[in-house]
Protein backbone atom coordinates (compact mmCIF):
# COMPACT_ATOMS: atom_id res chain seq x y z
CA MET A 1 -6.55 179.69 4.39
CA ARG A 2 -5.94 181.32 0.76
CA THR A 3 -3.61 180.01 -1.50
CA ARG A 4 -2.98 182.03 -4.90
CA ILE A 5 -1.15 180.52 -8.16
CA ILE A 6 -0.23 183.29 -10.93
CA VAL A 7 0.94 181.71 -13.85
CA GLN A 8 3.31 182.98 -16.74
CA GLY A 9 4.79 181.61 -19.50
CA LEU A 10 3.49 179.71 -23.27
CA THR A 11 1.21 177.19 -21.62
CA VAL A 12 -1.69 175.69 -22.77
CA PHE A 13 -4.75 174.54 -20.79
CA THR A 14 -7.02 171.83 -20.69
CA HIS A 15 -9.79 170.62 -18.48
CA GLU A 16 -11.53 167.13 -17.24
CA LEU A 17 -15.21 167.10 -18.05
CA PRO A 18 -16.86 168.94 -21.02
CA THR A 19 -18.82 172.72 -20.09
CA THR A 20 -22.37 171.28 -20.89
CA GLY A 21 -23.80 169.72 -17.98
CA ALA A 22 -20.74 171.16 -15.30
CA GLU A 23 -22.05 172.82 -12.20
CA VAL A 24 -21.94 176.03 -12.48
CA GLU A 25 -21.55 178.76 -9.05
CA HIS A 26 -21.57 182.27 -9.14
CA GLY A 27 -21.43 181.72 -13.65
CA ARG A 28 -18.63 179.73 -13.04
CA ARG A 29 -18.29 176.42 -14.01
CA ASN A 30 -16.72 173.50 -12.45
CA LEU A 31 -14.35 171.74 -15.08
CA GLY A 32 -12.80 169.68 -12.75
CA THR A 33 -9.30 168.78 -12.42
CA LEU A 34 -7.44 171.87 -14.45
CA THR A 35 -4.20 170.59 -16.87
CA ALA A 36 -0.96 173.08 -17.37
CA TRP A 37 1.26 171.94 -20.43
CA LEU A 38 4.74 174.22 -20.10
CA VAL A 39 5.88 174.52 -24.17
CA SER A 40 9.04 174.19 -24.88
CA ASP A 41 11.13 173.62 -27.30
CA PRO A 42 13.81 170.93 -26.84
CA GLY A 43 15.59 171.85 -29.97
CA LYS A 44 16.34 175.40 -28.87
CA HIS A 45 18.31 174.40 -25.60
CA GLY A 46 21.47 175.83 -26.67
CA THR A 47 19.98 179.85 -27.96
CA PRO A 48 18.68 181.06 -24.25
CA VAL A 49 16.38 183.94 -25.90
CA HIS A 50 14.40 180.87 -27.14
CA THR A 51 13.84 178.31 -24.41
CA HIS A 52 11.08 178.60 -21.62
CA ARG A 53 12.44 177.35 -18.66
CA PRO A 54 9.56 176.16 -15.61
CA TYR A 55 10.76 177.01 -12.49
CA LEU A 56 8.33 177.63 -9.57
CA GLY A 57 8.42 179.46 -6.67
CA PHE A 58 6.69 180.29 -3.58
CA ILE A 59 5.88 182.05 0.31
CA GLY A 60 4.31 180.72 2.78
CA ARG A 61 5.89 178.42 5.94
CA ASP A 62 6.41 175.13 5.87
CA ALA A 63 3.12 172.87 7.50
CA ARG A 64 5.37 170.81 9.33
CA SER A 65 8.61 172.48 11.32
CA HIS A 66 6.06 175.85 10.79
CA GLU A 67 8.96 177.27 9.50
CA PRO A 68 8.92 180.55 7.04
CA ARG A 69 9.68 179.56 3.41
CA VAL A 70 10.03 182.17 0.47
CA GLU A 71 11.66 180.27 -2.14
CA THR A 72 12.31 180.38 -5.79
CA LYS A 73 13.93 178.68 -9.54
CA HIS A 74 12.76 175.33 -7.67
CA TRP A 75 12.63 172.90 -11.59
CA ILE A 76 8.84 171.97 -12.10
CA PRO A 77 9.50 167.75 -11.63
CA ALA A 78 8.52 166.03 -14.88
CA GLU A 79 4.44 165.81 -13.82
CA THR A 80 3.06 167.86 -10.62
CA THR A 81 0.70 168.33 -9.22
CA ILE A 82 -1.08 170.73 -6.73
CA ALA A 83 -3.95 170.79 -4.93
CA VAL A 84 -5.26 172.37 -0.52
CA GLU A 85 -5.76 169.61 1.53
CA ASP A 86 -8.89 170.93 3.04
CA ALA A 87 -12.31 168.86 3.38
CA GLY A 88 -14.21 171.60 3.36
CA LEU A 89 -13.36 172.45 -0.51
CA ARG A 90 -14.54 170.34 -3.64
CA PRO A 91 -13.06 169.58 -5.97
CA GLY A 92 -12.42 170.90 -9.45
CA VAL A 93 -11.43 174.17 -11.02
CA PHE A 94 -13.77 177.11 -11.42
CA VAL A 95 -13.81 178.64 -15.29
CA ASP A 96 -14.34 182.32 -14.84
CA GLN A 97 -15.72 184.47 -17.78
CA SER A 98 -12.20 186.61 -18.42
CA TYR A 99 -10.31 183.40 -18.81
CA LEU A 100 -12.84 182.34 -22.01
CA GLU A 101 -12.46 185.97 -22.89
CA TYR A 102 -8.84 186.39 -22.89
CA VAL A 103 -7.35 182.89 -23.08
CA PRO A 104 -7.43 181.71 -27.08
CA ASP A 105 -9.27 177.88 -27.87
CA LEU A 106 -6.81 176.18 -30.24
CA ARG A 107 -9.29 174.80 -31.96
CA ALA A 108 -10.48 178.76 -32.75
CA LEU A 109 -7.30 179.37 -34.09
CA HIS A 110 -7.11 175.91 -36.39
CA PRO A 111 -10.92 175.74 -36.59
CA THR A 112 -10.58 172.84 -40.31
CA ASP A 113 -8.69 170.58 -36.93
CA THR A 114 -11.91 168.93 -35.69
CA ARG A 115 -9.87 166.46 -34.34
CA PRO A 116 -11.35 165.03 -31.29
CA ILE A 117 -10.22 166.38 -27.01
CA SER A 118 -9.00 162.75 -26.70
CA GLU A 119 -6.98 163.14 -29.39
CA ILE A 120 -5.60 166.09 -28.50
CA LEU A 121 -4.90 165.27 -25.59
CA ASP A 122 -2.80 161.86 -25.78
CA PHE A 123 -0.31 164.02 -28.76
CA LEU A 124 0.31 166.77 -25.76
CA GLN A 125 0.72 164.01 -23.33
CA THR A 126 3.57 162.13 -25.53
CA SER A 127 4.57 165.78 -27.22
CA ASP A 128 8.32 166.39 -26.81
CA LEU A 129 7.58 170.39 -27.17
CA ILE A 130 5.76 169.69 -23.88
CA SER A 131 8.45 170.53 -20.80
CA ALA A 132 6.41 169.82 -17.93
CA ARG A 133 2.29 168.85 -16.91
CA ILE A 134 0.60 170.56 -13.47
CA ASP A 135 -2.12 169.08 -12.47
CA ILE A 136 -3.98 171.10 -10.61
CA LEU A 137 -6.92 169.77 -8.19
CA ASN A 138 -9.19 172.91 -7.43
CA GLY A 139 -9.53 176.68 -7.50
CA THR A 140 -10.43 179.06 -9.64
CA ILE A 141 -9.22 180.28 -12.73
CA ARG A 142 -8.88 184.37 -14.13
CA ALA A 143 -6.95 186.67 -16.10
CA ARG A 144 -4.83 189.49 -14.72
CA GLU A 145 -2.25 191.07 -16.08
CA PHE A 146 -2.42 191.97 -19.67
CA ILE A 147 -0.36 191.72 -22.40
CA SER A 148 0.52 195.78 -22.81
CA TRP A 149 3.03 198.12 -24.56
CA ASP A 150 4.94 200.49 -22.95
CA TRP A 151 3.70 203.18 -25.23
CA HIS A 152 0.92 204.60 -22.46
CA GLY A 153 1.67 203.19 -19.43
CA ASN A 154 0.36 200.08 -19.31
CA THR A 155 -3.08 200.45 -20.71
CA PRO A 156 -3.60 196.52 -22.59
CA ALA A 157 -2.57 196.77 -26.10
CA ARG A 158 -4.76 195.10 -29.49
CA VAL A 159 -3.42 192.33 -31.08
CA ALA A 160 -4.95 189.58 -33.94
CA TYR A 161 -3.58 185.97 -34.19
CA MET A 162 -1.91 185.61 -37.65
CA ASP A 163 -3.86 183.84 -40.43
CA THR A 164 -6.99 184.00 -38.35
CA ASN A 165 -10.28 186.48 -38.22
CA ILE A 166 -9.34 186.42 -34.79
CA GLN A 167 -8.49 190.05 -32.05
CA GLY A 168 -8.78 191.26 -28.89
CA PHE A 169 -7.06 191.92 -25.79
CA ALA A 170 -5.45 188.50 -24.39
CA THR A 171 -3.64 187.92 -20.79
CA ASN A 172 -0.61 187.53 -20.01
CA GLU A 173 -0.72 186.59 -16.97
CA LEU A 174 -3.20 183.75 -14.93
CA VAL A 175 -4.63 183.45 -11.58
CA VAL A 176 -5.80 180.63 -9.63
CA ASP A 177 -7.18 181.38 -6.88
CA ILE A 178 -7.78 178.90 -3.72
CA GLY A 179 -10.08 178.54 -0.21
CA ASP A 180 -10.94 182.07 1.68
CA ASP A 181 -10.78 183.22 4.94
CA SER A 182 -12.53 180.88 6.99
CA ASP A 183 -10.10 180.53 9.54
CA ILE A 184 -8.19 183.66 9.63
CA ASN A 185 -8.53 184.19 13.56
CA ASP A 186 -7.37 180.19 13.93
CA ALA A 187 -4.28 179.46 15.79
CA ASP A 188 -3.10 176.86 12.53
CA CYS A 189 -4.33 177.15 9.50
CA LYS A 190 -7.15 174.98 7.57
CA GLY A 191 -5.83 172.20 5.46
CA CYS A 192 -2.45 173.30 3.48
CA LEU A 193 -1.93 173.21 0.09
CA VAL A 194 0.75 170.35 -1.12
CA VAL A 195 3.02 170.73 -4.66
CA SER A 196 4.31 168.07 -5.44
CA GLY A 197 5.99 165.71 -8.50
CA ALA A 198 9.31 163.06 -9.87
CA GLY A 199 11.18 163.82 -12.90
CA MET A 200 13.11 165.66 -14.91
CA ASN A 201 11.57 168.22 -16.92
CA ARG A 202 12.10 167.82 -20.52
CA VAL A 203 14.37 171.32 -20.17
CA GLN A 204 15.61 170.53 -17.21
CA LYS A 205 17.38 167.31 -18.61
CA ARG A 206 19.40 169.07 -20.95
CA VAL A 207 20.48 172.36 -18.85
CA GLN A 208 20.98 171.27 -15.09
CA PRO A 209 20.18 166.88 -15.31
CA THR A 210 19.61 166.25 -11.53
CA PRO A 211 18.65 162.07 -11.31
CA ASP A 212 16.38 160.89 -9.14
CA TYR A 213 14.71 164.34 -9.38
CA THR A 214 11.40 164.68 -6.94
CA PHE A 215 10.24 167.63 -5.32
CA LYS A 216 7.61 168.33 -2.51
CA ALA A 217 6.56 171.40 -0.37
CA GLU A 218 3.72 171.40 2.20
CA LEU A 219 2.70 174.91 3.21
CA CYS A 220 0.99 177.32 4.80
CA PRO A 221 0.68 180.41 5.07
CA ARG A 222 3.81 182.84 6.58
CA VAL A 223 3.04 184.35 9.74
CA ARG A 224 3.78 188.16 9.52
CA THR A 225 7.44 189.54 11.13
CA GLU A 226 8.12 193.00 11.10
CA SER A 227 10.72 192.38 8.28
CA ASP A 228 8.14 191.63 6.46
CA TYR A 229 4.95 193.75 6.98
CA ASP A 230 3.50 193.89 3.29
CA ILE A 231 3.20 189.54 3.48
CA ASP A 232 0.05 188.85 2.47
CA PRO A 233 -2.10 187.75 5.32
CA ASN A 234 -3.70 183.91 5.40
CA THR A 235 -2.32 183.57 2.27
CA VAL A 236 0.14 181.25 0.50
CA GLU A 237 1.40 182.61 -2.96
CA VAL A 238 2.84 179.94 -5.68
CA ARG A 239 4.46 180.76 -8.98
CA ILE A 240 4.89 179.37 -12.36
CA THR A 241 6.92 180.77 -14.83
CA ASN A 242 7.78 179.40 -17.99
CA LEU A 243 9.70 182.71 -19.38
CA PRO A 244 12.32 182.85 -22.11
CA ALA A 245 14.69 185.18 -21.38
CA ARG A 246 14.55 188.62 -21.69
CA ARG A 247 15.36 190.01 -24.79
CA ALA A 248 17.51 192.91 -25.83
CA ARG A 249 14.38 195.18 -26.80
CA ALA A 250 11.31 193.71 -26.74
CA SER A 251 9.34 192.38 -29.11
CA PHE A 252 5.79 193.17 -30.93
CA TYR A 253 4.86 189.88 -31.88
CA GLY A 254 5.23 185.92 -30.09
CA LEU A 255 6.15 183.48 -32.51
CA HIS A 256 6.94 181.40 -29.56
CA ALA A 257 3.23 180.56 -29.70
CA GLN A 258 3.46 178.50 -32.33
CA VAL A 259 5.02 175.73 -30.58
CA ALA A 260 2.25 175.37 -28.58
CA SER A 261 0.27 173.88 -31.73
CA ASP A 262 2.77 172.46 -32.74
CA ALA A 263 2.64 170.44 -29.22
CA ALA A 264 -0.90 170.47 -29.95
CA GLY A 265 -0.97 168.73 -32.72
CA TYR A 266 -1.49 171.17 -34.95
CA ARG A 267 -1.34 170.92 -39.10
CA ARG A 268 0.79 173.38 -40.38
CA ARG A 269 0.23 175.88 -42.53
CA ASP A 270 1.55 178.82 -45.61
CA ILE A 271 0.83 181.91 -43.92
CA THR A 272 2.99 184.06 -45.63
CA THR A 273 0.78 184.61 -48.34
CA SER A 274 -1.68 186.95 -47.03
CA LYS A 275 -1.35 190.30 -46.56
CA GLN A 276 -2.02 190.61 -43.54
CA TYR A 277 1.69 188.84 -42.78
CA GLU A 278 3.24 191.22 -45.88
CA ARG A 279 2.34 194.01 -43.81
CA PHE A 280 2.22 192.24 -40.87
CA ALA A 281 6.59 191.07 -42.15
CA GLU A 282 6.83 194.64 -43.50
CA VAL A 283 6.60 196.13 -39.64
CA ALA A 284 8.99 193.35 -38.45
CA ARG A 285 10.99 194.64 -40.71
CA ARG A 286 10.99 198.49 -40.24
CA TYR A 287 10.84 197.72 -35.96
CA ASP A 288 14.57 195.89 -35.88
CA PRO A 289 15.98 194.69 -39.04
CA GLU A 290 18.40 192.81 -37.17
CA GLN A 291 15.96 191.22 -34.81
CA TRP A 292 13.35 190.87 -37.81
CA THR A 293 16.31 188.68 -39.34
CA MET A 294 16.34 186.17 -37.20
CA ASP A 295 12.90 185.16 -35.80
CA GLU A 296 11.93 185.43 -39.33
CA THR A 297 12.60 181.33 -39.77
CA MET A 298 11.08 181.20 -36.30
CA ILE A 299 7.22 180.88 -39.07
CA VAL A 300 6.37 177.63 -39.29
CA GLY A 301 2.54 178.28 -40.64
CA HIS A 302 0.28 178.46 -37.35
CA PRO A 303 -0.72 181.60 -35.50
CA PHE A 304 0.74 183.93 -33.57
CA PRO A 305 -0.45 186.72 -31.66
CA PHE A 306 0.91 190.54 -32.63
CA LEU A 307 0.17 194.06 -31.79
CA ILE A 308 -1.93 195.72 -34.28
CA ASP A 309 -1.54 199.27 -33.66
CA PRO A 310 -0.19 199.78 -29.36
CA ALA A 311 0.43 204.16 -30.12
CA ALA A 312 -3.90 203.63 -30.71
CA ASP A 313 -4.34 201.79 -27.61
CA LYS A 314 -5.23 204.55 -24.61
CA LEU A 315 -7.25 205.14 -22.09
CA GLY A 316 -7.94 208.59 -22.32
CA GLY A 317 -6.48 211.44 -20.36
CA LEU A 318 -7.23 213.53 -16.78
CA ARG A 319 -10.68 215.31 -16.87
CA ALA A 320 -12.59 217.38 -14.24
CA ALA A 321 -13.31 215.97 -11.36
CA GLY A 322 -16.58 213.04 -11.80
CA MET A 323 -18.47 211.52 -8.76
CA ALA A 324 -17.54 208.85 -7.01
CA GLN A 325 -18.88 205.51 -7.82
CA ASP A 326 -19.25 202.50 -6.07
CA PRO A 327 -16.45 200.00 -7.30
CA PRO A 328 -17.17 196.23 -9.02
CA HIS A 329 -15.82 193.73 -6.26
CA PRO A 330 -12.39 192.83 -7.05
CA TYR A 331 -10.86 189.02 -6.71
CA GLY A 332 -9.72 188.59 -2.84
CA ARG A 333 -11.34 190.22 0.29
CA ARG A 334 -14.47 192.69 0.53
CA ALA A 335 -15.63 194.21 3.32
CA GLY A 336 -17.02 192.24 6.48
CA ASP A 337 -14.74 189.11 5.13
CA ILE A 338 -12.24 190.30 8.41
CA MET A 339 -14.43 191.44 11.38
CA PRO A 340 -12.68 195.21 13.28
CA ALA A 341 -14.24 192.91 16.21
CA ALA A 342 -13.69 189.70 16.19
CA ALA A 343 -10.57 188.61 18.38
CA GLY A 344 -7.57 188.98 15.93
CA GLY A 345 -9.55 190.19 13.29
CA ARG A 346 -7.69 193.49 12.89
CA LEU A 347 -4.82 191.97 12.01
CA GLY A 348 -2.35 194.48 13.15
CA GLY A 349 0.20 196.09 10.91
CA HIS A 350 -2.42 195.44 8.65
CA GLY A 351 -5.54 197.93 8.86
CA ALA A 352 -6.61 201.24 7.81
CA ALA A 353 -3.72 203.06 9.82
CA MET A 354 -1.22 200.80 8.10
CA THR A 355 1.07 201.84 4.72
CA SER A 356 2.62 198.98 3.59
CA MET A 357 4.27 199.07 0.40
CA SER A 358 1.54 197.63 -2.40
CA GLY A 359 1.47 196.25 -5.92
CA HIS A 360 3.57 194.84 -8.33
CA ASP A 361 5.74 195.41 -11.53
CA PRO A 362 5.63 193.10 -14.45
CA LEU A 363 8.71 191.85 -14.75
CA ASN A 364 8.57 190.30 -18.46
CA THR A 365 7.28 192.15 -21.85
CA GLU A 366 7.51 188.99 -24.34
CA ILE A 367 4.03 188.58 -26.06
CA CYS A 368 4.23 184.88 -24.52
CA PRO A 369 0.40 184.22 -24.28
CA PHE A 370 -2.22 180.83 -23.02
CA THR A 371 -4.15 178.82 -25.22
CA ARG A 372 -6.62 176.49 -24.05
CA VAL A 373 -8.71 172.88 -25.00
CA VAL A 374 -12.16 173.50 -23.67
CA PHE A 375 -14.66 170.87 -25.06
CA GLU A 376 -18.40 170.50 -24.51
């Protein structure tokens, strides 16, 4: 079976193994267990617009009762593990190039900090700014949705990080893919996805305390029915969100990202004396004076992302017809993965004649991108 873990919101990622000497498959390195550290400032719990709530949702089928389970907004436990129990899967999470290119390394944002990775991990483990820790034991992590601006459709918008020379495109959504379709014609799915954890995360303790909080789900893919024909076959989908409340107006900067640097123990510095910051503050004040009056107090001395020129980042318009070209293979299924001639292989209702609704619509424009720490 396949599992798709979608992650959104303020998160620091670390890896169990260094890149040097790592197992390589199809150009991707296996860096062992992937740990997602969900970031939120507990001091902001009274201000919803600045509180990141760590929630878990999924679409699947209970592996024991076989009943469909479509659930949202479970509190993520303080310590959580996600893994597909399948002897055929190699342990460890492979790192796709898109993850490396579009998720900034905290060490690059703080080049003068030369602490060893062990010290950074220790700081994350004890930081009051980490609300929950999630260990993902297998899969491949990749970037999916870019930071964009509602100007020229969802064209990616170029960002810069304050008080650094780093600029480019960054992602607002990461995906961890696990498994394949090798069991798609079997009556029972091969293995199952196990999500388990215990303990209240730091946000839950303040917002909705539940003594002895535990969570466990053992999931197989949900079986398609007439009422939910758009369910992805042979796939369990898990969604991890760590987003704040939506603002009344979209902001072109992400000051919350500074909390990730604090959570990892990076030293604050004065970032308000540069021409870069002066220009940014001028634009922010002109864009929304009332919002900036409140937000400016959040400047604490760490790099944060902001859009450079949303109006300039646009794709070319429609032109005269060109010739079709072979597109690169997307993630997921390729031609031939599901053989039409195989017994049950066509998956009734998912063939070429089916016109099912598909696609997605991002629900939040808050710029709360990820950061990572990968050691050599």
